[in-house]
Structures are given as C-alpha cells and as structure tokens.
Amino acid sequence: MNVWIVFLLCFGSGLAQTIARCPNPGDIRPCSCSVKKNGLDVICESTDHGYINKALTALKQQNSVIFYLKLRHNNLPKLPGFVFLGLIVQHLAIHNSTKGLTQLDLSQNSLATVPSPALANLHALIILNLNRNKIHELRSKSFAGLDTLEILSLYENKINSIDPDAFKGLDDRKLKRLNLGGNLLTNIPTPALSSLDVLKKLEMQENKISSIKEGDFEGLKGLDSLVLAHNQISEVPARVFSHLTQLNSLELEGNRITRVDPDAFIGLEENLQYLRLGENNLHVIPSDALRRLHRLRHLDLRSNNITALPEDAFAGYGDSISFLNLQKNLIKVLPPTIFDNLNSLQSLNLGNNKLIHIPEEITGGMIDTLVMIDITDNPLICTCDLQWFPYWLKKLKGQDDDTMSKKRTVCTMPNERREYVLQNLPLEKMGCVSKAGKISSSSNIIASNPTQILALHLAFCVTSILH
C-alpha cells in the first residue's frame, strides 16, 4: 500500500467533544461513514474531487470529530486547503490518489517540519503551499523528489535556519517562485539559494535581516523580483545586487535604511524599473546611486525624512520615471526646475510635506504627461502664485463634480487665519491678475487626499502572493 501522507491535523475551530453522528448515506455516497470510539471513520475511494467535496460538505454540518479521514485510489489532481475548512480532522490518510496532483495546500496547520517523505513521490506537483505552519527549519533535501515544483510558499512559519542543501533534490531548473517571508531569518541563506538559477521571484519580507552584502544573491542570475521589505536593514552597500542583472523589481520599504552607497545598484542598470524605498530613514534622495538606473519607472520614497530637494536630484535618470512618490516627508521648498527632466512623469505625490508654496514652473518638464498630482496636507499659504492650480483642475477631462468636492486642497490666508479651498480662492479680494489664459489644457491634474490616491493610483506592482 502506497500511503504518501498521514498527519495529525485540526481544520476546525476547536476539539470540543460532541456526539459523533454520520450524515445520511445518500448525502455522502460513494463515501462511507461509521461511528468509532474516538469519532467518525470516513472513507472515500475510487471517486473524484467533486464527490469528495460533496461528502465533506455534508460532514461539516454534523460538527463531529473525524478521527480518520481516508482518501483511497481517487482522482485528485488538485487538493486545496479549503476542502477541509470547517472540519475537525485528527488523522488524514491519502492512498494512491496523487499521481497527477499539481497543487497542494497545507497552510494554516501545526506542522513543525516539512513532511519530506510524504511529499517525495509527488512528481507532478507544481504548487506547494505551507504557509502559516510552525516549521522552524528547512533540513537537507526537504523537498527532494518534487521534480516539477514551480511555486513554493513558506510564509509565516518560524524558520530561523536553512540547511545549505535544503533545496537539493528539487529540479532547480523548474522552481520559479519562493516565498520565505514572515519568518525569523537574520541573514540571506546564500548557500541554500545559490543553485536556484532560474528563480524569478524571491520573497523574504518580514524577517529579521539586519544587513545585506555583496555576494548574498550570487547564483540567482534569473531573478526578476526581490522582496526584502519590512526587515531591519540599515544600509544598502556597494555592489550588493551586482549578480542580479535581470532584476526588474526591488522592494526595500519598511526597513531602517539611512544610507544607500553610490555603487549600491551596480548590475541593475539595464533592467530595474520598480524601486521601493519608502518607510525608511533617508534624509536625502540617493541620487548618486539612482543615476545609473536608466530604465527606472516607479520610484517610491514616501515616509522618509527627506527635508530638501537639490535642483539636480533627478538629473541623469528622471526621464524614464512615470511614478514618483514623495509623500510624508519633510520637504519645505521645491526648486522651480526640480522636475524639468521628468518628461515621462504621470503620477506625482507631494502630499503631507512641509510645503508652503508650489511654483507653477515645476510642471514645465511634465506638462504633456502628468495625469495626477497630490499636494494635499501641506501648510500652503494662500497667494496669487497658487491660482494656476485650480485652473488646471478645471481642465480635468470627465471630472465628477461630487467626487472632486471631496478631493480639495486648502491653503491658509495669513491675515485672516482661515483656510480656503484652492478651487475657491478669493482672487479679486487678493488683488490677483487672472492667469486663466496661460493655462495649458494638455494635462489633467487631480489633487487628492493620500488615502484616495493610494486606492486609485499608488498600487506599485502586482504580486499575487500565496499568503
């Protein structure tokens, strides 16, 4: 008998003892159910996923402990975790049902180790989800035999140690995505990762990694996306990503970064398009490091401690940027020419800074491309120099007046100590000369509060994650 997996599992909300009852036989056929001393004994054999799902649905309504659930000689090409959701299962046994199994979800259980012997014969498995268990280490050859595995997710376990041979036995030409996020790792497990040369996405967010260094990612030559968000990294050193020449997306937000070495992004020149450095401790834009990124499109620097923008902050690399987020910094002044070379910019977020004045000249380089600008939550002073902004809002194509009424930026009139919505500045009272005739109609510009902008415009990249 080829039994590939036998676990002690609890899929229900508790193990409160109830009187064990089987459903009506017709509700679970061709499965069978009998009452034993410790609970129900349920057998499903020579059937398929549809009938098994029907039987398990009927069993959920009984709210009884299933002491043994045995699945024998069935056609189970896919075994998602939700099949067992709502059941109290103490022992699960699957016999000769898995030759064609391509997806296996064992998330949200209490596994302390990877069940390697049970997995070894799943030669057609493509996706393995072990999220939210209690695995504390990956031992040598933990996944041996999984010749076709492409996606492996170990998010939110307790992993603090990975053996150098942990992934040995996998076909390293197949694994495309590895999620090690939400664990207890303190450094990059380079020896274990170095053989995964076709890996496309590596997720190591929400660990306890305090430093990264040159050579940490050696061997990952095919990597397209690297997620190191929400760790404890304080510095991005020189050449740390030099082996990742195919990298397209790099996420470093939510760390403690105070310094980015000018040579930090060597190796990323030709392919990096998405860079997230938000929620760190940067005091200046790391322009020297960024200038080598010729293809950069999305740059997120929100929630840092940036106080000033030099005129050349975006010189040498800004012409490819379409998304720039400087929200929640400490910026007080915008040089008039600061954005002159950002001639591809579509979205600009300057909300929640310390700006008291927004010069009209900042739009010069992006006048034909900009579709969204946010200057809300700044201590703006009402002056005639701000009248250009509401005129641009009036040019917004297809604007919804009701929606726009909720997306208004205010300034303060010093003498009156009161706020005015920029769209309703008392220009005559202020003695302003109208600039209506000078406003270009080629840009559609929206002022919005940060929450609305995040909902509509600030989604950085797509990742579906097996969280």
Protein backbone atom coordinates (compact mmCIF):
# COMPACT_ATOMS: atom_id res chain seq x y z
CA MET A 1 0.00 0.00 0.00
CA ASN A 2 1.41 3.39 -1.02
CA VAL A 3 0.39 5.86 1.68
CA TRP A 4 2.00 9.20 1.00
CA ILE A 5 0.71 11.33 3.82
CA VAL A 6 -0.64 10.78 7.33
CA PHE A 7 -0.92 13.89 9.57
CA LEU A 8 -2.46 14.93 12.82
CA LEU A 9 -4.49 17.88 11.61
CA CYS A 10 -7.11 20.20 13.04
CA PHE A 11 -9.03 22.15 10.41
CA GLY A 12 -11.87 23.24 12.69
CA SER A 13 -12.07 25.91 15.35
CA GLY A 14 -11.72 23.55 18.29
CA LEU A 15 -11.84 19.99 19.56
CA ALA A 16 -14.85 20.30 21.85
CA GLN A 17 -16.29 16.81 22.27
CA THR A 18 -19.71 16.31 20.67
CA ILE A 19 -21.83 13.26 19.98
CA ALA A 20 -20.47 11.74 16.78
CA ARG A 21 -23.07 11.38 14.03
CA CYS A 22 -22.68 10.34 10.42
CA PRO A 23 -24.65 12.11 7.68
CA ASN A 24 -27.31 10.26 5.73
CA PRO A 25 -25.53 7.71 3.49
CA GLY A 26 -27.10 9.23 0.39
CA ASP A 27 -25.57 12.62 1.19
CA ILE A 28 -22.00 11.32 1.12
CA ARG A 29 -22.16 8.43 -1.38
CA PRO A 30 -19.83 6.96 -2.70
CA CYS A 31 -18.02 7.78 0.55
CA SER A 32 -18.88 5.83 3.69
CA CYS A 33 -19.01 6.80 7.35
CA SER A 34 -19.04 4.82 10.59
CA VAL A 35 -19.00 5.88 14.24
CA LYS A 36 -15.99 4.78 16.28
CA LYS A 37 -14.98 5.33 19.89
CA ASN A 38 -12.88 8.42 19.16
CA GLY A 39 -15.02 9.88 16.40
CA LEU A 40 -16.04 9.23 12.81
CA ASP A 41 -14.20 6.94 10.42
CA VAL A 42 -14.76 8.26 6.88
CA ILE A 43 -13.59 6.52 3.71
CA CYS A 44 -13.76 7.90 0.16
CA GLU A 45 -12.35 5.67 -2.54
CA SER A 46 -12.35 5.29 -6.32
CA THR A 47 -14.06 8.63 -6.84
CA ASP A 48 -13.11 12.21 -7.70
CA HIS A 49 -12.83 15.67 -6.17
CA GLY A 50 -16.47 16.59 -6.87
CA TYR A 51 -17.95 13.71 -4.88
CA ILE A 52 -15.38 14.12 -2.11
CA ASN A 53 -16.22 17.80 -1.77
CA LYS A 54 -19.95 16.95 -1.61
CA ALA A 55 -19.31 14.40 1.15
CA LEU A 56 -17.13 16.76 3.17
CA THR A 57 -19.78 19.48 2.91
CA ALA A 58 -22.32 17.10 4.45
CA LEU A 59 -19.85 16.14 7.19
CA LYS A 60 -19.30 19.80 8.12
CA GLN A 61 -22.98 20.07 9.01
CA GLN A 62 -22.60 17.30 11.64
CA ASN A 63 -19.91 19.20 13.60
CA SER A 64 -18.42 15.88 14.67
CA VAL A 65 -14.79 14.93 15.21
CA ILE A 66 -13.48 12.90 12.28
CA PHE A 67 -10.92 10.56 13.82
CA TYR A 68 -9.86 9.09 10.45
CA LEU A 69 -10.43 10.55 7.01
CA LYS A 70 -9.14 8.13 4.38
CA LEU A 71 -8.96 9.01 0.69
CA ARG A 72 -8.06 5.94 -1.40
CA HIS A 73 -7.49 5.42 -5.12
CA ASN A 74 -9.11 8.70 -6.10
CA ASN A 75 -8.55 11.13 -8.94
CA LEU A 76 -7.16 14.17 -7.12
CA PRO A 77 -5.19 16.40 -9.48
CA LYS A 78 -5.66 19.30 -7.04
CA LEU A 79 -6.04 19.36 -3.26
CA PRO A 80 -6.73 22.92 -1.99
CA GLY A 81 -6.76 23.63 1.73
CA PHE A 82 -10.33 24.97 1.79
CA VAL A 83 -11.63 21.45 1.09
CA PHE A 84 -11.09 20.66 4.78
CA LEU A 85 -12.05 24.08 6.17
CA GLY A 86 -14.67 23.75 8.90
CA LEU A 87 -13.87 20.11 9.65
CA ILE A 88 -12.24 18.69 12.78
CA VAL A 89 -9.88 16.06 11.37
CA GLN A 90 -7.46 14.23 13.65
CA HIS A 91 -5.91 11.88 11.08
CA LEU A 92 -5.81 12.29 7.33
CA ALA A 93 -4.56 9.50 5.09
CA ILE A 94 -4.32 9.72 1.31
CA HIS A 95 -3.59 6.48 -0.55
CA ASN A 96 -2.68 6.19 -4.23
CA SER A 97 -4.63 9.30 -5.16
CA THR A 98 -1.92 11.70 -6.11
CA LYS A 99 -0.04 10.64 -9.22
CA GLY A 100 -1.36 13.66 -11.06
CA LEU A 101 -1.54 16.07 -8.10
CA THR A 102 -0.39 19.52 -9.25
CA GLN A 103 -1.42 21.76 -6.32
CA LEU A 104 -1.23 21.00 -2.61
CA ASP A 105 -2.29 23.46 0.10
CA LEU A 106 -1.27 22.52 3.65
CA SER A 107 -1.41 26.04 5.05
CA GLN A 108 -2.70 27.04 8.50
CA ASN A 109 -1.88 23.81 10.28
CA SER A 110 0.63 22.94 13.01
CA LEU A 111 3.38 21.26 11.02
CA ALA A 112 6.72 21.62 12.83
CA THR A 113 8.78 20.20 9.96
CA VAL A 114 8.40 19.78 6.22
CA PRO A 115 6.81 16.32 5.68
CA SER A 116 9.53 15.32 3.23
CA PRO A 117 8.85 11.55 2.95
CA ALA A 118 5.19 12.22 2.30
CA LEU A 119 5.97 14.68 -0.48
CA ALA A 120 8.74 12.76 -2.21
CA ASN A 121 6.52 10.88 -4.67
CA LEU A 122 4.52 13.88 -5.88
CA HIS A 123 6.31 14.04 -9.20
CA ALA A 124 3.67 16.20 -10.90
CA LEU A 125 3.33 18.82 -8.14
CA ILE A 126 3.63 22.43 -9.36
CA ILE A 127 2.42 24.47 -6.36
CA LEU A 128 3.10 23.69 -2.69
CA ASN A 129 1.65 25.97 0.00
CA LEU A 130 2.98 25.50 3.53
CA ASN A 131 2.07 28.99 4.77
CA ARG A 132 1.24 29.66 8.42
CA ASN A 133 2.52 26.48 9.99
CA LYS A 134 5.14 26.10 12.74
CA ILE A 135 8.11 24.97 10.68
CA HIS A 136 11.30 26.19 12.37
CA GLU A 137 13.99 24.91 9.99
CA LEU A 138 14.48 23.61 6.48
CA ARG A 139 16.60 20.50 6.65
CA SER A 140 18.77 18.96 3.95
CA LYS A 141 16.75 17.79 0.93
CA SER A 142 13.46 18.93 2.45
CA PHE A 143 11.81 18.91 -0.98
CA ALA A 144 13.63 16.05 -2.70
CA GLY A 145 11.58 14.37 -5.40
CA LEU A 146 9.47 17.38 -6.30
CA ASP A 147 10.80 17.39 -9.84
CA THR A 148 8.17 19.71 -11.29
CA LEU A 149 7.70 22.20 -8.44
CA GLU A 150 7.47 25.81 -9.66
CA ILE A 151 5.97 27.68 -6.70
CA LEU A 152 6.91 27.07 -3.06
CA SER A 153 5.45 29.22 -0.29
CA LEU A 154 6.57 29.06 3.35
CA TYR A 155 5.17 32.40 4.50
CA GLU A 156 4.62 32.97 8.23
CA ASN A 157 6.34 29.99 9.77
CA LYS A 158 9.08 30.08 12.43
CA ILE A 159 12.03 29.38 10.14
CA ASN A 160 15.36 30.55 11.57
CA SER A 161 17.69 28.05 9.91
CA ILE A 162 18.01 26.80 6.32
CA ASP A 163 20.45 23.99 5.55
CA PRO A 164 22.75 24.67 2.56
CA ASP A 165 21.23 21.58 0.90
CA ALA A 166 17.61 22.39 1.81
CA PHE A 167 16.58 22.70 -1.84
CA LYS A 168 18.81 19.92 -3.12
CA GLY A 169 16.70 17.30 -4.86
CA LEU A 170 14.40 19.89 -6.38
CA ASP A 171 14.79 20.36 -10.09
CA ASP A 172 16.49 23.74 -9.80
CA ARG A 173 15.59 24.42 -13.43
CA LYS A 174 11.89 24.49 -12.53
CA LEU A 175 11.41 26.48 -9.29
CA LYS A 176 10.26 29.97 -10.28
CA ARG A 177 8.89 31.48 -7.08
CA LEU A 178 9.97 31.09 -3.45
CA ASN A 179 8.28 32.82 -0.51
CA LEU A 180 10.27 32.82 2.74
CA GLY A 181 8.51 35.91 4.13
CA GLY A 182 7.23 36.25 7.67
CA ASN A 183 9.88 34.07 9.29
CA LEU A 184 12.80 34.57 11.71
CA LEU A 185 15.74 34.68 9.32
CA THR A 186 18.56 37.03 10.33
CA ASN A 187 20.59 36.82 7.12
CA ILE A 188 20.31 35.81 3.48
CA PRO A 189 20.66 31.99 3.21
CA THR A 190 23.05 32.26 0.27
CA PRO A 191 24.39 28.66 0.24
CA ALA A 192 20.85 27.28 0.01
CA LEU A 193 19.69 29.77 -2.64
CA SER A 194 22.72 29.85 -4.92
CA SER A 195 21.67 26.84 -7.01
CA LEU A 196 18.25 28.30 -7.89
CA ASP A 197 19.46 29.97 -11.05
CA VAL A 198 16.07 30.14 -12.78
CA LEU A 199 14.19 31.53 -9.77
CA LYS A 200 12.12 34.55 -10.87
CA LYS A 201 10.70 35.87 -7.59
CA LEU A 202 12.24 35.66 -4.11
CA GLU A 203 10.21 36.99 -1.18
CA MET A 204 11.97 37.49 2.16
CA GLN A 205 9.84 40.27 3.63
CA GLU A 206 9.00 40.46 7.34
CA ASN A 207 12.07 38.64 8.62
CA LYS A 208 14.79 39.94 10.96
CA ILE A 209 17.51 40.54 8.38
CA SER A 210 19.72 43.38 9.63
CA SER A 211 22.31 43.57 6.85
CA ILE A 212 22.94 42.56 3.26
CA LYS A 213 26.29 42.38 1.50
CA GLU A 214 27.93 41.77 -1.86
CA GLY A 215 27.65 38.10 -2.81
CA ASP A 216 24.45 37.42 -0.87
CA PHE A 217 22.49 36.87 -4.09
CA GLU A 218 25.17 35.13 -6.11
CA GLY A 219 23.71 32.39 -8.28
CA LEU A 220 20.27 33.97 -8.66
CA LYS A 221 21.05 35.15 -12.16
CA GLY A 222 17.48 34.79 -13.44
CA LEU A 223 15.79 36.72 -10.61
CA ASP A 224 13.17 39.23 -11.78
CA SER A 225 11.69 40.35 -8.43
CA LEU A 226 13.29 40.61 -4.97
CA VAL A 227 11.25 41.50 -1.88
CA LEU A 228 13.20 42.50 1.25
CA ALA A 229 10.56 44.80 2.72
CA HIS A 230 9.98 45.17 6.47
CA ASN A 231 13.27 43.83 7.74
CA GLN A 232 15.90 45.66 9.81
CA ILE A 233 18.34 46.65 7.06
CA SER A 234 20.15 49.92 7.83
CA GLU A 235 22.39 50.32 4.77
CA VAL A 236 22.43 49.32 1.10
CA PRO A 237 26.13 48.67 0.43
CA ALA A 238 28.09 48.79 -2.81
CA ARG A 239 27.52 46.08 -5.42
CA VAL A 240 25.13 44.14 -3.19
CA PHE A 241 22.86 43.34 -6.18
CA SER A 242 25.60 43.04 -8.79
CA HIS A 243 24.70 39.43 -9.64
CA LEU A 244 21.05 40.27 -10.31
CA THR A 245 21.41 41.66 -13.81
CA GLN A 246 17.86 40.62 -14.79
CA LEU A 247 16.17 42.21 -11.77
CA ASN A 248 13.09 44.26 -12.68
CA SER A 249 11.58 44.99 -9.25
CA LEU A 250 13.27 45.66 -5.89
CA GLU A 251 11.30 46.23 -2.68
CA LEU A 252 13.19 47.66 0.30
CA GLU A 253 10.44 49.61 2.05
CA GLY A 254 9.85 49.39 5.78
CA ASN A 255 13.48 48.92 6.80
CA ARG A 256 15.83 51.24 8.71
CA ILE A 257 17.88 52.42 5.77
CA THR A 258 19.83 55.62 6.39
CA ARG A 259 22.38 55.29 3.58
CA VAL A 260 22.47 53.98 0.02
CA ASP A 261 26.00 53.61 -1.33
CA PRO A 262 26.58 55.35 -4.69
CA ASP A 263 27.51 51.93 -6.14
CA ALA A 264 24.63 50.05 -4.49
CA PHE A 265 22.76 49.44 -7.75
CA ILE A 266 25.66 48.33 -9.94
CA GLY A 267 24.39 45.46 -12.07
CA LEU A 268 20.81 46.74 -12.17
CA GLU A 269 21.37 49.42 -14.81
CA GLU A 270 19.59 47.85 -17.76
CA ASN A 271 16.52 46.20 -16.25
CA LEU A 272 15.40 47.67 -12.92
CA GLN A 273 12.08 49.51 -13.35
CA TYR A 274 10.42 49.38 -9.91
CA LEU A 275 12.19 50.54 -6.74
CA ARG A 276 10.51 50.92 -3.37
CA LEU A 277 12.49 52.75 -0.68
CA GLY A 278 9.56 54.10 1.33
CA GLU A 279 9.25 53.93 5.12
CA ASN A 280 12.97 54.20 5.82
CA ASN A 281 15.21 56.83 7.44
CA LEU A 282 16.66 58.55 4.39
CA HIS A 283 17.39 62.26 4.80
CA VAL A 284 18.28 62.88 1.16
CA ILE A 285 17.34 61.34 -2.17
CA PRO A 286 20.18 58.90 -3.01
CA SER A 287 20.66 60.49 -6.43
CA ASP A 288 24.22 59.25 -6.97
CA ALA A 289 23.05 55.65 -6.63
CA LEU A 290 19.91 56.20 -8.72
CA ARG A 291 21.62 57.86 -11.70
CA ARG A 292 22.79 54.56 -13.13
CA LEU A 293 19.19 53.23 -13.33
CA HIS A 294 18.42 54.20 -16.92
CA ARG A 295 15.09 52.31 -17.10
CA LEU A 296 13.59 53.24 -13.73
CA ARG A 297 9.84 53.90 -14.00
CA HIS A 298 8.44 53.72 -10.46
CA LEU A 299 10.30 55.35 -7.56
CA ASP A 300 8.71 55.26 -4.12
CA LEU A 301 10.40 57.40 -1.43
CA ARG A 302 7.37 58.05 0.78
CA SER A 303 7.60 58.23 4.58
CA ASN A 304 11.28 59.08 4.92
CA ASN A 305 12.92 62.13 6.50
CA ILE A 306 13.82 63.97 3.30
CA THR A 307 13.95 67.70 4.01
CA ALA A 308 15.32 69.24 0.82
CA LEU A 309 15.42 68.54 -2.92
CA PRO A 310 18.54 69.75 -4.75
CA GLU A 311 17.90 71.05 -8.26
CA ASP A 312 19.77 68.07 -9.72
CA ALA A 313 18.03 65.44 -7.54
CA PHE A 314 16.60 63.68 -10.63
CA ALA A 315 19.25 64.63 -13.18
CA GLY A 316 20.58 61.75 -15.25
CA TYR A 317 17.83 59.24 -14.60
CA GLY A 318 14.49 61.05 -14.26
CA ASP A 319 13.48 60.98 -17.91
CA SER A 320 12.10 57.43 -17.64
CA ILE A 321 10.19 57.85 -14.35
CA SER A 322 6.40 57.71 -14.67
CA PHE A 323 5.52 57.36 -10.96
CA LEU A 324 7.17 59.37 -8.17
CA ASN A 325 6.00 59.23 -4.57
CA LEU A 326 7.48 61.74 -2.09
CA GLN A 327 4.50 61.70 0.26
CA LYS A 328 5.03 62.04 4.04
CA ASN A 329 8.48 63.59 4.06
CA LEU A 330 9.67 66.92 5.46
CA ILE A 331 10.16 68.82 2.20
CA LYS A 332 9.82 72.59 2.62
CA VAL A 333 10.88 74.02 -0.74
CA LEU A 334 10.58 72.92 -4.38
CA PRO A 335 13.20 74.41 -6.71
CA PRO A 336 11.35 75.62 -9.85
CA THR A 337 13.41 73.36 -12.14
CA ILE A 338 13.41 70.28 -9.89
CA PHE A 339 11.22 68.21 -12.25
CA ASP A 340 12.42 69.67 -15.57
CA ASN A 341 13.76 66.40 -16.97
CA LEU A 342 10.86 64.23 -15.77
CA ASN A 343 9.26 64.25 -19.20
CA SER A 344 7.59 60.84 -18.74
CA LEU A 345 6.03 61.54 -15.35
CA GLN A 346 2.34 60.64 -14.99
CA SER A 347 1.85 60.50 -11.21
CA LEU A 348 3.44 62.82 -8.63
CA ASN A 349 2.66 62.65 -4.92
CA LEU A 350 3.91 65.54 -2.77
CA GLY A 351 1.22 65.20 -0.12
CA ASN A 352 1.85 65.58 3.59
CA ASN A 353 5.10 67.53 3.47
CA LYS A 354 6.02 71.00 4.78
CA LEU A 355 5.44 72.96 1.58
CA ILE A 356 4.09 76.50 1.88
CA HIS A 357 4.44 77.34 -1.82
CA ILE A 358 4.13 75.34 -5.07
CA PRO A 359 5.79 77.13 -8.00
CA GLU A 360 3.95 76.76 -11.30
CA GLU A 361 7.30 76.20 -13.01
CA ILE A 362 7.65 72.71 -11.51
CA THR A 363 5.27 71.38 -14.17
CA GLY A 364 7.42 72.54 -17.08
CA GLY A 365 9.03 69.20 -17.91
CA MET A 366 5.93 67.09 -17.37
CA ILE A 367 3.19 69.32 -18.71
CA ASP A 368 2.27 66.92 -21.52
CA THR A 369 2.36 63.68 -19.49
CA LEU A 370 1.18 64.39 -15.94
CA VAL A 371 -2.25 62.94 -15.10
CA MET A 372 -2.19 63.02 -11.28
CA ILE A 373 -0.65 65.34 -8.70
CA ASP A 374 -1.27 65.38 -4.96
CA ILE A 375 -0.30 68.39 -2.83
CA THR A 376 -2.79 67.85 -0.01
CA ASP A 377 -1.88 68.10 3.67
CA ASN A 378 0.78 70.76 3.20
CA PRO A 379 0.79 74.09 5.13
CA LEU A 380 0.22 76.08 1.93
CA ILE A 381 -0.08 79.87 2.17
CA CYS A 382 -2.78 81.47 0.02
CA THR A 383 -1.05 83.73 -2.52
CA CYS A 384 -1.72 84.73 -6.10
CA ASP A 385 1.05 82.36 -7.19
CA LEU A 386 -1.23 79.40 -6.40
CA GLN A 387 -4.01 80.36 -8.82
CA TRP A 388 -2.57 78.16 -11.59
CA PHE A 389 -3.51 75.03 -9.65
CA PRO A 390 -7.33 75.37 -9.63
CA TYR A 391 -7.29 76.36 -13.31
CA TRP A 392 -5.62 73.08 -14.09
CA LEU A 393 -8.22 71.22 -12.05
CA LYS A 394 -10.96 72.77 -14.19
CA LYS A 395 -9.35 71.23 -17.26
CA LEU A 396 -9.71 67.72 -15.89
CA LYS A 397 -11.50 65.61 -18.52
CA GLY A 398 -14.61 63.79 -17.41
CA GLN A 399 -14.39 65.07 -13.85
CA ASP A 400 -17.13 64.12 -11.42
CA ASP A 401 -18.10 67.28 -9.51
CA ASP A 402 -19.30 65.32 -6.49
CA THR A 403 -16.10 63.31 -6.35
CA MET A 404 -13.95 66.38 -6.89
CA SER A 405 -15.65 68.15 -3.98
CA LYS A 406 -14.10 65.53 -1.70
CA LYS A 407 -10.63 65.95 -3.20
CA ARG A 408 -9.80 69.53 -2.38
CA THR A 409 -6.55 71.09 -1.31
CA VAL A 410 -6.60 74.01 1.11
CA CYS A 411 -4.32 76.92 1.88
CA THR A 412 -4.26 79.39 4.76
CA MET A 413 -4.82 83.14 4.41
CA PRO A 414 -2.26 84.63 6.83
CA ASN A 415 -4.12 87.82 7.69
CA GLU A 416 -7.46 86.10 8.23
CA ARG A 417 -6.17 82.91 9.82
CA ARG A 418 -8.68 80.87 7.87
CA GLU A 419 -8.46 78.19 5.22
CA TYR A 420 -9.58 78.43 1.61
CA VAL A 421 -10.06 75.62 -0.85
CA LEU A 422 -7.70 76.28 -3.75
CA GLN A 423 -10.56 75.98 -6.24
CA ASN A 424 -12.31 78.89 -4.47
CA LEU A 425 -9.53 81.35 -3.81
CA PRO A 426 -10.91 84.93 -3.49
CA LEU A 427 -8.66 86.17 -6.30
CA GLU A 428 -10.27 89.61 -6.60
CA LYS A 429 -10.04 90.16 -2.88
CA MET A 430 -6.41 89.13 -3.03
CA GLY A 431 -5.78 91.52 -5.93
CA CYS A 432 -4.61 88.74 -8.26
CA VAL A 433 -4.32 89.10 -12.03
CA SER A 434 -6.04 86.12 -13.69
CA LYS A 435 -3.79 83.58 -15.40
CA ALA A 436 -6.63 81.63 -17.00
CA GLY A 437 -5.39 82.29 -20.48
CA LYS A 438 -1.96 80.92 -19.68
CA ILE A 439 -3.04 77.51 -18.52
CA SER A 440 -2.36 74.56 -20.81
CA SER A 441 -5.17 72.07 -21.38
CA SER A 442 -2.86 69.16 -22.19
CA SER A 443 -2.62 67.89 -18.61
CA ASN A 444 -5.29 66.54 -16.31
CA ILE A 445 -4.29 67.09 -12.71
CA ILE A 446 -6.02 65.79 -9.61
CA ALA A 447 -5.47 66.90 -6.01
CA SER A 448 -6.49 64.12 -3.69
CA ASN A 449 -6.04 63.05 -0.13
CA PRO A 450 -3.46 60.29 0.46
CA THR A 451 -5.97 57.54 1.21
CA GLN A 452 -7.90 58.08 -2.03
CA ILE A 453 -4.72 58.30 -4.06
CA LEU A 454 -3.47 55.04 -2.62
CA ALA A 455 -6.74 53.41 -3.55
CA LEU A 456 -6.75 54.71 -7.11
CA HIS A 457 -3.20 55.32 -8.21
CA LEU A 458 -0.49 54.11 -5.88
CA ALA A 459 -0.62 50.33 -6.35
CA PHE A 460 3.08 49.67 -7.02
CA CYS A 461 3.15 46.26 -8.56
CA VAL A 462 1.41 43.31 -8.84
CA THR A 463 2.24 40.32 -6.90
CA SER A 464 -0.09 37.75 -6.11
CA ILE A 465 1.38 36.02 -3.25
CA LEU A 466 0.47 32.82 -1.71
CA HIS A 467 -0.13 34.38 1.61
